[in-house]
Amino acid sequence: MKEISLWEWLLRASGKIAAVSGVIGLLVWLTWVMLDVKNMQSGFTLPY
């Protein structure tokens, strides 16, 4: 295992956290849109 600086480790950790939260956010948004589509009368609305 090679030595990495604390700064590099923090950047990698925050990158992973950002990626995971992005995926979770996307799944939540898609679920919201799917539920919204069922309740819509006409057109396509983006959730606020």
N, C-alpha and C. Protein backbone atom coordinates (compact mmCIF):
# COMPACT_ATOMS: atom_id res chain seq x y z
N MET A 1 0.86 -1.20 0.00
CA MET A 1 0.00 0.00 0.00
C MET A 1 0.89 1.24 0.00
N LYS A 2 0.73 2.07 -1.01
CA LYS A 2 1.59 3.25 -1.10
C LYS A 2 1.06 4.37 -0.22
N GLU A 3 1.98 5.25 0.14
CA GLU A 3 1.61 6.38 0.99
C GLU A 3 0.82 7.41 0.18
N ILE A 4 -0.31 7.83 0.72
CA ILE A 4 -1.02 8.94 0.10
C ILE A 4 -1.23 10.02 1.17
N SER A 5 -1.23 11.25 0.74
CA SER A 5 -1.39 12.35 1.69
C SER A 5 -2.82 12.39 2.22
N LEU A 6 -2.95 13.03 3.35
CA LEU A 6 -4.27 13.18 3.97
C LEU A 6 -5.21 13.93 3.03
N TRP A 7 -4.67 14.94 2.35
CA TRP A 7 -5.46 15.75 1.41
C TRP A 7 -5.99 14.90 0.27
N GLU A 8 -5.13 14.04 -0.28
CA GLU A 8 -5.54 13.17 -1.37
C GLU A 8 -6.62 12.19 -0.90
N TRP A 9 -6.43 11.67 0.31
CA TRP A 9 -7.40 10.73 0.88
C TRP A 9 -8.76 11.41 1.07
N LEU A 10 -8.72 12.65 1.57
CA LEU A 10 -9.97 13.40 1.78
C LEU A 10 -10.68 13.67 0.45
N LEU A 11 -9.89 14.02 -0.59
CA LEU A 11 -10.50 14.27 -1.90
C LEU A 11 -11.16 13.01 -2.45
N ARG A 12 -10.48 11.88 -2.30
CA ARG A 12 -11.05 10.62 -2.80
C ARG A 12 -12.30 10.23 -2.02
N ALA A 13 -12.25 10.40 -0.70
CA ALA A 13 -13.40 10.06 0.14
C ALA A 13 -14.61 10.95 -0.22
N SER A 14 -14.35 12.25 -0.37
CA SER A 14 -15.45 13.17 -0.70
C SER A 14 -15.99 12.88 -2.10
N GLY A 15 -15.11 12.44 -3.00
CA GLY A 15 -15.54 12.07 -4.33
C GLY A 15 -16.48 10.88 -4.32
N LYS A 16 -16.13 9.89 -3.50
CA LYS A 16 -16.99 8.70 -3.38
C LYS A 16 -18.34 9.07 -2.76
N ILE A 17 -18.30 9.90 -1.73
CA ILE A 17 -19.53 10.33 -1.07
C ILE A 17 -20.42 11.09 -2.05
N ALA A 18 -19.80 11.97 -2.85
CA ALA A 18 -20.56 12.74 -3.83
C ALA A 18 -21.19 11.83 -4.88
N ALA A 19 -20.44 10.82 -5.31
CA ALA A 19 -20.96 9.88 -6.31
C ALA A 19 -22.14 9.09 -5.76
N VAL A 20 -22.00 8.59 -4.55
CA VAL A 20 -23.06 7.80 -3.93
C VAL A 20 -24.31 8.65 -3.71
N SER A 21 -24.12 9.85 -3.18
CA SER A 21 -25.27 10.73 -2.94
C SER A 21 -25.93 11.15 -4.25
N GLY A 22 -25.12 11.27 -5.31
CA GLY A 22 -25.67 11.60 -6.62
C GLY A 22 -26.56 10.49 -7.15
N VAL A 23 -26.11 9.25 -6.98
CA VAL A 23 -26.90 8.10 -7.43
C VAL A 23 -28.20 8.00 -6.63
N ILE A 24 -28.09 8.17 -5.31
CA ILE A 24 -29.28 8.11 -4.45
C ILE A 24 -30.25 9.23 -4.83
N GLY A 25 -29.71 10.43 -5.06
CA GLY A 25 -30.55 11.55 -5.45
C GLY A 25 -31.27 11.30 -6.77
N LEU A 26 -30.55 10.69 -7.71
CA LEU A 26 -31.14 10.37 -9.01
C LEU A 26 -32.27 9.36 -8.86
N LEU A 27 -32.06 8.35 -8.03
CA LEU A 27 -33.10 7.33 -7.81
C LEU A 27 -34.34 7.95 -7.16
N VAL A 28 -34.12 8.82 -6.17
CA VAL A 28 -35.24 9.49 -5.51
C VAL A 28 -36.00 10.36 -6.51
N TRP A 29 -35.25 11.10 -7.35
CA TRP A 29 -35.88 11.97 -8.34
C TRP A 29 -36.68 11.16 -9.35
N LEU A 30 -36.11 10.04 -9.83
CA LEU A 30 -36.82 9.20 -10.78
C LEU A 30 -38.10 8.63 -10.18
N THR A 31 -38.02 8.19 -8.92
CA THR A 31 -39.20 7.67 -8.22
C THR A 31 -40.27 8.76 -8.13
N TRP A 32 -39.82 9.98 -7.77
CA TRP A 32 -40.73 11.13 -7.67
C TRP A 32 -41.42 11.38 -9.01
N VAL A 33 -40.64 11.37 -10.10
CA VAL A 33 -41.18 11.61 -11.43
C VAL A 33 -42.18 10.52 -11.82
N MET A 34 -41.85 9.26 -11.52
CA MET A 34 -42.76 8.16 -11.85
C MET A 34 -44.09 8.30 -11.10
N LEU A 35 -44.02 8.68 -9.83
CA LEU A 35 -45.24 8.90 -9.06
C LEU A 35 -45.99 10.11 -9.61
N ASP A 36 -45.25 11.14 -10.01
CA ASP A 36 -45.85 12.36 -10.54
C ASP A 36 -46.57 12.07 -11.85
N VAL A 37 -45.99 11.21 -12.69
CA VAL A 37 -46.59 10.85 -13.98
C VAL A 37 -47.96 10.22 -13.78
N LYS A 38 -48.10 9.41 -12.74
CA LYS A 38 -49.39 8.77 -12.45
C LYS A 38 -50.45 9.79 -12.07
N ASN A 39 -50.03 10.88 -11.41
CA ASN A 39 -50.99 11.85 -10.91
C ASN A 39 -51.23 13.02 -11.86
N MET A 40 -50.46 13.08 -12.95
CA MET A 40 -50.55 14.21 -13.86
C MET A 40 -51.82 14.18 -14.70
N GLN A 41 -52.32 15.37 -15.04
CA GLN A 41 -53.45 15.47 -15.95
C GLN A 41 -52.96 15.64 -17.39
N SER A 42 -52.00 16.58 -17.57
CA SER A 42 -51.47 16.79 -18.91
C SER A 42 -50.07 17.40 -18.81
N GLY A 43 -49.26 17.18 -19.84
CA GLY A 43 -47.92 17.75 -19.89
C GLY A 43 -46.95 17.02 -18.98
N PHE A 44 -45.74 17.56 -18.90
CA PHE A 44 -44.69 16.98 -18.07
C PHE A 44 -44.18 18.03 -17.11
N THR A 45 -44.25 17.75 -15.82
CA THR A 45 -43.81 18.72 -14.82
C THR A 45 -42.59 18.19 -14.09
N LEU A 46 -41.64 19.09 -13.85
CA LEU A 46 -40.46 18.73 -13.06
C LEU A 46 -40.75 19.02 -11.59
N PRO A 47 -40.37 18.11 -10.70
CA PRO A 47 -40.60 18.36 -9.27
C PRO A 47 -39.74 19.52 -8.76
N TYR A 48 -40.33 20.36 -7.92
CA TYR A 48 -39.59 21.49 -7.37
C TYR A 48 -38.99 21.11 -6.03
